[in-house]
Amino acid sequence: QVQLVESGGGLVQPGGSLRLSCAASGSILTINLMGWYRQAPGKERELVASITPTWGITNYANSVKGRFTISRDNTKNTMYLRMSSLKPEDTAVYYCHARLRNEDAYWGQGTQVTVSS
C-alpha cells in the first residue's frame, strides 16, 4: 500500500503562484507513475500532469502547459506541482495520485486551490 499526503493549497489572486506537495510513504518502490488530478465543482476529475518516478518523464494537460511544472524529489519521496499564472478556472480540489506496477491506484485526500481576487 501507498499513503499520499498533499499540502500547499490555498487562496491566490489571478496571475499568482502556488506550489503543491505530495509526500508518499509505504511501498513507494512499486510506484511506476504519479500525477496530479483536479476536480472543480460540478465537473469530472481530470488529469493535470503526470511524472514517472524513475526517469522523470512528464505529461501535461493542454490547459496547463507552460504554466504548471510537475517534479519529484526521490530523496524526499515527494512530488510537486508548481503552478504559475493561475487563472480562476484553475480553482479546484487537487489530488495526488499514484499507480503501482500491479495497477493498484491510490489517492491523497485532496487540497483546495482557489484563484480569486
N, C-alpha and C. Protein backbone atom coordinates (compact mmCIF):
# COMPACT_ATOMS: atom_id res chain seq x y z
N GLN A 1 0.83 -1.20 0.00
CA GLN A 1 0.00 0.00 0.00
C GLN A 1 0.86 1.24 0.00
N VAL A 2 0.25 2.33 -0.45
CA VAL A 2 0.92 3.63 -0.51
C VAL A 2 0.03 4.67 0.15
N GLN A 3 0.63 5.54 0.93
CA GLN A 3 -0.09 6.66 1.52
C GLN A 3 0.41 7.95 0.88
N LEU A 4 -0.53 8.83 0.56
CA LEU A 4 -0.21 10.09 -0.10
C LEU A 4 -0.80 11.24 0.71
N VAL A 5 0.00 12.25 0.99
CA VAL A 5 -0.48 13.40 1.75
C VAL A 5 -0.11 14.67 0.99
N GLU A 6 -1.15 15.42 0.60
CA GLU A 6 -0.92 16.67 -0.12
C GLU A 6 -0.84 17.85 0.84
N SER A 7 -0.18 18.89 0.39
CA SER A 7 -0.15 20.15 1.12
C SER A 7 0.14 21.27 0.14
N GLY A 8 -0.10 22.51 0.59
CA GLY A 8 0.28 23.66 -0.22
C GLY A 8 -0.85 24.39 -0.90
N GLY A 9 -2.08 23.92 -0.77
CA GLY A 9 -3.19 24.63 -1.40
C GLY A 9 -3.50 25.92 -0.67
N GLY A 10 -4.43 26.69 -1.23
CA GLY A 10 -4.83 27.93 -0.59
C GLY A 10 -5.51 28.87 -1.55
N LEU A 11 -5.63 30.11 -1.11
CA LEU A 11 -6.25 31.17 -1.90
C LEU A 11 -5.16 32.03 -2.53
N VAL A 12 -5.29 32.27 -3.82
CA VAL A 12 -4.29 33.08 -4.52
C VAL A 12 -5.01 33.95 -5.55
N GLN A 13 -4.46 35.10 -5.82
CA GLN A 13 -5.05 36.01 -6.81
C GLN A 13 -4.72 35.54 -8.22
N PRO A 14 -5.54 35.90 -9.18
CA PRO A 14 -5.22 35.58 -10.58
C PRO A 14 -3.85 36.11 -10.95
N GLY A 15 -3.10 35.27 -11.66
CA GLY A 15 -1.73 35.61 -12.02
C GLY A 15 -0.70 35.18 -11.01
N GLY A 16 -1.15 34.72 -9.85
CA GLY A 16 -0.25 34.31 -8.80
C GLY A 16 0.27 32.90 -8.96
N SER A 17 1.03 32.46 -7.95
CA SER A 17 1.67 31.14 -8.00
C SER A 17 1.43 30.39 -6.70
N LEU A 18 1.47 29.07 -6.80
CA LEU A 18 1.40 28.18 -5.64
C LEU A 18 2.22 26.95 -5.96
N ARG A 19 2.72 26.29 -4.92
CA ARG A 19 3.37 25.01 -5.10
C ARG A 19 2.69 23.98 -4.20
N LEU A 20 2.22 22.93 -4.83
CA LEU A 20 1.63 21.81 -4.11
C LEU A 20 2.69 20.73 -3.89
N SER A 21 2.58 20.04 -2.76
CA SER A 21 3.48 18.93 -2.46
C SER A 21 2.66 17.69 -2.18
N CYS A 22 3.24 16.53 -2.52
CA CYS A 22 2.62 15.25 -2.23
C CYS A 22 3.69 14.33 -1.67
N ALA A 23 3.58 14.03 -0.38
CA ALA A 23 4.53 13.15 0.28
C ALA A 23 4.00 11.73 0.24
N ALA A 24 4.84 10.82 -0.27
CA ALA A 24 4.45 9.42 -0.39
C ALA A 24 5.17 8.57 0.64
N SER A 25 4.47 7.56 1.14
CA SER A 25 5.07 6.61 2.08
C SER A 25 4.48 5.24 1.82
N GLY A 26 5.11 4.22 2.39
CA GLY A 26 4.65 2.85 2.17
C GLY A 26 5.48 2.18 1.09
N SER A 27 4.82 1.46 0.22
CA SER A 27 5.50 0.69 -0.83
C SER A 27 5.86 1.56 -2.02
N ILE A 28 6.67 2.58 -1.78
CA ILE A 28 6.93 3.58 -2.82
C ILE A 28 7.79 3.03 -3.95
N LEU A 29 8.55 2.00 -3.70
CA LEU A 29 9.39 1.44 -4.77
C LEU A 29 8.57 0.75 -5.83
N THR A 30 7.30 0.48 -5.55
CA THR A 30 6.44 -0.17 -6.53
C THR A 30 5.65 0.83 -7.37
N ILE A 31 5.85 2.13 -7.11
CA ILE A 31 5.14 3.15 -7.89
C ILE A 31 5.78 3.29 -9.26
N ASN A 32 4.98 3.26 -10.33
CA ASN A 32 5.57 3.48 -11.65
C ASN A 32 5.02 4.72 -12.34
N LEU A 33 4.04 5.39 -11.73
CA LEU A 33 3.53 6.63 -12.29
C LEU A 33 2.86 7.43 -11.18
N MET A 34 3.15 8.73 -11.15
CA MET A 34 2.47 9.61 -10.20
C MET A 34 1.90 10.79 -10.96
N GLY A 35 0.88 11.39 -10.37
CA GLY A 35 0.28 12.52 -11.07
C GLY A 35 -0.57 13.39 -10.17
N TRP A 36 -0.97 14.51 -10.72
CA TRP A 36 -1.90 15.43 -10.09
C TRP A 36 -3.18 15.48 -10.91
N TYR A 37 -4.29 15.35 -10.23
CA TYR A 37 -5.61 15.50 -10.82
C TYR A 37 -6.30 16.66 -10.12
N ARG A 38 -7.35 17.15 -10.75
CA ARG A 38 -8.15 18.18 -10.10
C ARG A 38 -9.62 17.98 -10.42
N GLN A 39 -10.44 18.46 -9.50
CA GLN A 39 -11.89 18.37 -9.69
C GLN A 39 -12.54 19.66 -9.24
N ALA A 40 -13.15 20.34 -10.19
CA ALA A 40 -13.87 21.57 -9.90
C ALA A 40 -15.34 21.22 -9.61
N PRO A 41 -16.04 22.08 -8.91
CA PRO A 41 -17.46 21.80 -8.58
C PRO A 41 -18.27 21.54 -9.84
N GLY A 42 -19.00 20.43 -9.83
CA GLY A 42 -19.86 20.10 -10.95
C GLY A 42 -19.15 19.52 -12.15
N LYS A 43 -17.86 19.29 -12.02
CA LYS A 43 -17.09 18.75 -13.15
C LYS A 43 -16.44 17.42 -12.77
N GLU A 44 -16.03 16.67 -13.79
CA GLU A 44 -15.36 15.41 -13.54
C GLU A 44 -13.89 15.67 -13.16
N ARG A 45 -13.34 14.71 -12.45
CA ARG A 45 -11.93 14.80 -12.11
C ARG A 45 -11.11 14.65 -13.39
N GLU A 46 -10.08 15.50 -13.53
CA GLU A 46 -9.27 15.47 -14.74
C GLU A 46 -7.79 15.43 -14.40
N LEU A 47 -7.02 14.83 -15.29
CA LEU A 47 -5.57 14.78 -15.13
C LEU A 47 -4.98 16.14 -15.43
N VAL A 48 -4.12 16.60 -14.54
CA VAL A 48 -3.41 17.86 -14.73
C VAL A 48 -2.01 17.59 -15.27
N ALA A 49 -1.29 16.71 -14.61
CA ALA A 49 0.08 16.39 -15.02
C ALA A 49 0.50 15.07 -14.39
N SER A 50 1.43 14.39 -15.06
CA SER A 50 1.94 13.13 -14.52
C SER A 50 3.45 13.08 -14.70
N ILE A 51 4.08 12.18 -13.92
CA ILE A 51 5.53 12.05 -13.99
C ILE A 51 5.91 10.62 -13.61
N THR A 52 6.92 10.07 -14.29
CA THR A 52 7.43 8.75 -13.91
C THR A 52 8.53 8.95 -12.88
N PRO A 53 8.45 8.24 -11.76
CA PRO A 53 9.40 8.48 -10.67
C PRO A 53 10.85 8.24 -11.06
N THR A 54 11.08 7.21 -11.88
CA THR A 54 12.47 6.84 -12.17
C THR A 54 13.12 7.79 -13.16
N TRP A 55 12.46 8.02 -14.31
CA TRP A 55 13.09 8.81 -15.37
C TRP A 55 12.61 10.25 -15.42
N GLY A 56 11.56 10.57 -14.69
CA GLY A 56 11.07 11.95 -14.68
C GLY A 56 10.40 12.36 -15.98
N ILE A 57 9.83 11.40 -16.70
CA ILE A 57 9.11 11.72 -17.93
C ILE A 57 7.78 12.35 -17.55
N THR A 58 7.49 13.51 -18.15
CA THR A 58 6.31 14.27 -17.74
C THR A 58 5.27 14.36 -18.85
N ASN A 59 4.05 14.64 -18.43
CA ASN A 59 2.93 14.82 -19.34
C ASN A 59 2.01 15.85 -18.73
N TYR A 60 1.45 16.75 -19.57
CA TYR A 60 0.61 17.83 -19.07
C TYR A 60 -0.70 17.92 -19.84
N ALA A 61 -1.73 18.33 -19.16
CA ALA A 61 -2.97 18.69 -19.85
C ALA A 61 -2.72 19.96 -20.65
N ASN A 62 -3.36 20.09 -21.79
CA ASN A 62 -3.15 21.27 -22.64
C ASN A 62 -3.47 22.56 -21.89
N SER A 63 -4.43 22.50 -21.00
CA SER A 63 -4.87 23.71 -20.31
C SER A 63 -3.83 24.27 -19.35
N VAL A 64 -2.83 23.47 -18.98
CA VAL A 64 -1.83 23.95 -18.01
C VAL A 64 -0.41 24.00 -18.58
N LYS A 65 -0.24 23.57 -19.82
CA LYS A 65 1.10 23.58 -20.42
C LYS A 65 1.68 24.98 -20.44
N GLY A 66 2.92 25.08 -20.02
CA GLY A 66 3.59 26.37 -19.99
C GLY A 66 3.34 27.16 -18.71
N ARG A 67 2.40 26.71 -17.90
CA ARG A 67 2.10 27.40 -16.63
C ARG A 67 2.41 26.54 -15.42
N PHE A 68 2.21 25.24 -15.54
CA PHE A 68 2.44 24.32 -14.42
C PHE A 68 3.68 23.46 -14.70
N THR A 69 4.37 23.11 -13.62
CA THR A 69 5.53 22.23 -13.73
C THR A 69 5.44 21.14 -12.66
N ILE A 70 5.48 19.90 -13.09
CA ILE A 70 5.48 18.78 -12.17
C ILE A 70 6.92 18.30 -11.99
N SER A 71 7.25 17.93 -10.77
CA SER A 71 8.61 17.45 -10.49
C SER A 71 8.55 16.48 -9.32
N ARG A 72 9.69 15.81 -9.08
CA ARG A 72 9.75 14.92 -7.92
C ARG A 72 11.13 14.96 -7.32
N ASP A 73 11.19 14.69 -6.03
CA ASP A 73 12.46 14.58 -5.32
C ASP A 73 12.46 13.19 -4.69
N ASN A 74 13.15 12.26 -5.33
CA ASN A 74 13.13 10.88 -4.85
C ASN A 74 13.81 10.72 -3.50
N THR A 75 14.69 11.66 -3.13
CA THR A 75 15.34 11.57 -1.82
C THR A 75 14.37 11.90 -0.70
N LYS A 76 13.31 12.64 -1.04
CA LYS A 76 12.31 13.02 -0.05
C LYS A 76 10.99 12.30 -0.26
N ASN A 77 10.94 11.44 -1.29
CA ASN A 77 9.69 10.72 -1.62
C ASN A 77 8.53 11.70 -1.79
N THR A 78 8.81 12.79 -2.47
CA THR A 78 7.83 13.87 -2.60
C THR A 78 7.71 14.31 -4.06
N MET A 79 6.48 14.55 -4.46
CA MET A 79 6.18 15.09 -5.79
C MET A 79 5.64 16.50 -5.62
N TYR A 80 5.92 17.35 -6.59
CA TYR A 80 5.50 18.74 -6.51
C TYR A 80 4.72 19.15 -7.76
N LEU A 81 3.92 20.19 -7.60
CA LEU A 81 3.28 20.83 -8.74
C LEU A 81 3.43 22.33 -8.54
N ARG A 82 4.27 22.91 -9.35
CA ARG A 82 4.45 24.36 -9.32
C ARG A 82 3.46 24.96 -10.30
N MET A 83 2.60 25.83 -9.79
CA MET A 83 1.54 26.44 -10.59
C MET A 83 1.79 27.94 -10.68
N SER A 84 1.89 28.44 -11.90
CA SER A 84 2.12 29.87 -12.12
C SER A 84 1.04 30.42 -13.04
N SER A 85 0.97 31.73 -13.10
CA SER A 85 -0.03 32.40 -13.95
C SER A 85 -1.41 31.80 -13.73
N LEU A 86 -1.77 31.64 -12.48
CA LEU A 86 -3.02 30.96 -12.16
C LEU A 86 -4.23 31.76 -12.62
N LYS A 87 -5.25 31.02 -13.04
CA LYS A 87 -6.48 31.60 -13.54
C LYS A 87 -7.65 31.15 -12.66
N PRO A 88 -8.73 31.89 -12.65
CA PRO A 88 -9.90 31.45 -11.87
C PRO A 88 -10.37 30.05 -12.25
N GLU A 89 -10.21 29.67 -13.51
CA GLU A 89 -10.64 28.33 -13.93
C GLU A 89 -9.73 27.22 -13.41
N ASP A 90 -8.63 27.57 -12.77
CA ASP A 90 -7.78 26.57 -12.12
C ASP A 90 -8.31 26.20 -10.73
N THR A 91 -9.32 26.92 -10.28
CA THR A 91 -9.91 26.64 -8.97
C THR A 91 -10.48 25.23 -8.94
N ALA A 92 -10.04 24.44 -7.97
CA ALA A 92 -10.46 23.05 -7.86
C ALA A 92 -9.84 22.43 -6.62
N VAL A 93 -10.28 21.22 -6.31
CA VAL A 93 -9.56 20.40 -5.35
C VAL A 93 -8.54 19.60 -6.14
N TYR A 94 -7.30 19.68 -5.72
CA TYR A 94 -6.21 18.98 -6.39
C TYR A 94 -5.85 17.73 -5.62
N TYR A 95 -5.75 16.62 -6.35
CA TYR A 95 -5.47 15.32 -5.75
C TYR A 95 -4.17 14.75 -6.27
N CYS A 96 -3.42 14.17 -5.39
CA CYS A 96 -2.23 13.41 -5.74
C CYS A 96 -2.64 11.97 -6.03
N HIS A 97 -2.01 11.36 -7.02
CA HIS A 97 -2.35 10.01 -7.45
C HIS A 97 -1.09 9.21 -7.69
N ALA A 98 -1.14 7.95 -7.32
CA ALA A 98 -0.01 7.04 -7.58
C ALA A 98 -0.55 5.73 -8.13
N ARG A 99 0.12 5.24 -9.17
CA ARG A 99 -0.24 3.95 -9.75
C ARG A 99 0.93 3.01 -9.58
N LEU A 100 0.65 1.83 -9.06
CA LEU A 100 1.70 0.85 -8.81
C LEU A 100 1.89 -0.06 -10.03
N ARG A 101 2.96 -0.84 -10.00
CA ARG A 101 3.24 -1.76 -11.10
C ARG A 101 2.12 -2.78 -11.28
N ASN A 102 1.44 -3.13 -10.19
CA ASN A 102 0.36 -4.12 -10.29
C ASN A 102 -0.97 -3.46 -10.65
N GLU A 103 -0.93 -2.19 -11.04
CA GLU A 103 -2.09 -1.41 -11.48
C GLU A 103 -2.96 -0.89 -10.33
N ASP A 104 -2.64 -1.24 -9.10
CA ASP A 104 -3.36 -0.63 -7.98
C ASP A 104 -3.12 0.88 -8.00
N ALA A 105 -4.13 1.63 -7.59
CA ALA A 105 -4.01 3.08 -7.59
C ALA A 105 -4.41 3.65 -6.24
N TYR A 106 -3.75 4.74 -5.87
CA TYR A 106 -4.01 5.38 -4.58
C TYR A 106 -4.19 6.88 -4.79
N TRP A 107 -5.00 7.47 -3.92
CA TRP A 107 -5.28 8.90 -3.97
C TRP A 107 -4.96 9.55 -2.63
N GLY A 108 -4.55 10.80 -2.70
CA GLY A 108 -4.44 11.60 -1.49
C GLY A 108 -5.81 12.15 -1.11
N GLN A 109 -5.84 12.91 -0.03
CA GLN A 109 -7.11 13.41 0.47
C GLN A 109 -7.57 14.66 -0.26
N GLY A 110 -6.69 15.28 -1.02
CA GLY A 110 -7.03 16.48 -1.77
C GLY A 110 -6.69 17.75 -1.04
N THR A 111 -6.37 18.79 -1.81
CA THR A 111 -6.09 20.10 -1.26
C THR A 111 -6.77 21.15 -2.14
N GLN A 112 -7.44 22.10 -1.50
CA GLN A 112 -8.21 23.10 -2.23
C GLN A 112 -7.31 24.21 -2.75
N VAL A 113 -7.48 24.53 -4.01
CA VAL A 113 -6.83 25.69 -4.63
C VAL A 113 -7.93 26.61 -5.13
N THR A 114 -7.91 27.84 -4.66
CA THR A 114 -8.90 28.83 -5.07
C THR A 114 -8.18 30.04 -5.66
N VAL A 115 -8.54 30.37 -6.90
CA VAL A 115 -7.94 31.51 -7.58
C VAL A 115 -9.01 32.58 -7.72
N SER A 116 -8.85 33.64 -6.97
CA SER A 116 -9.88 34.68 -6.93
C SER A 116 -9.29 35.98 -6.43
N SER A 117 -9.84 37.08 -6.94
CA SER A 117 -9.41 38.39 -6.47
C SER A 117 -10.32 38.87 -5.35
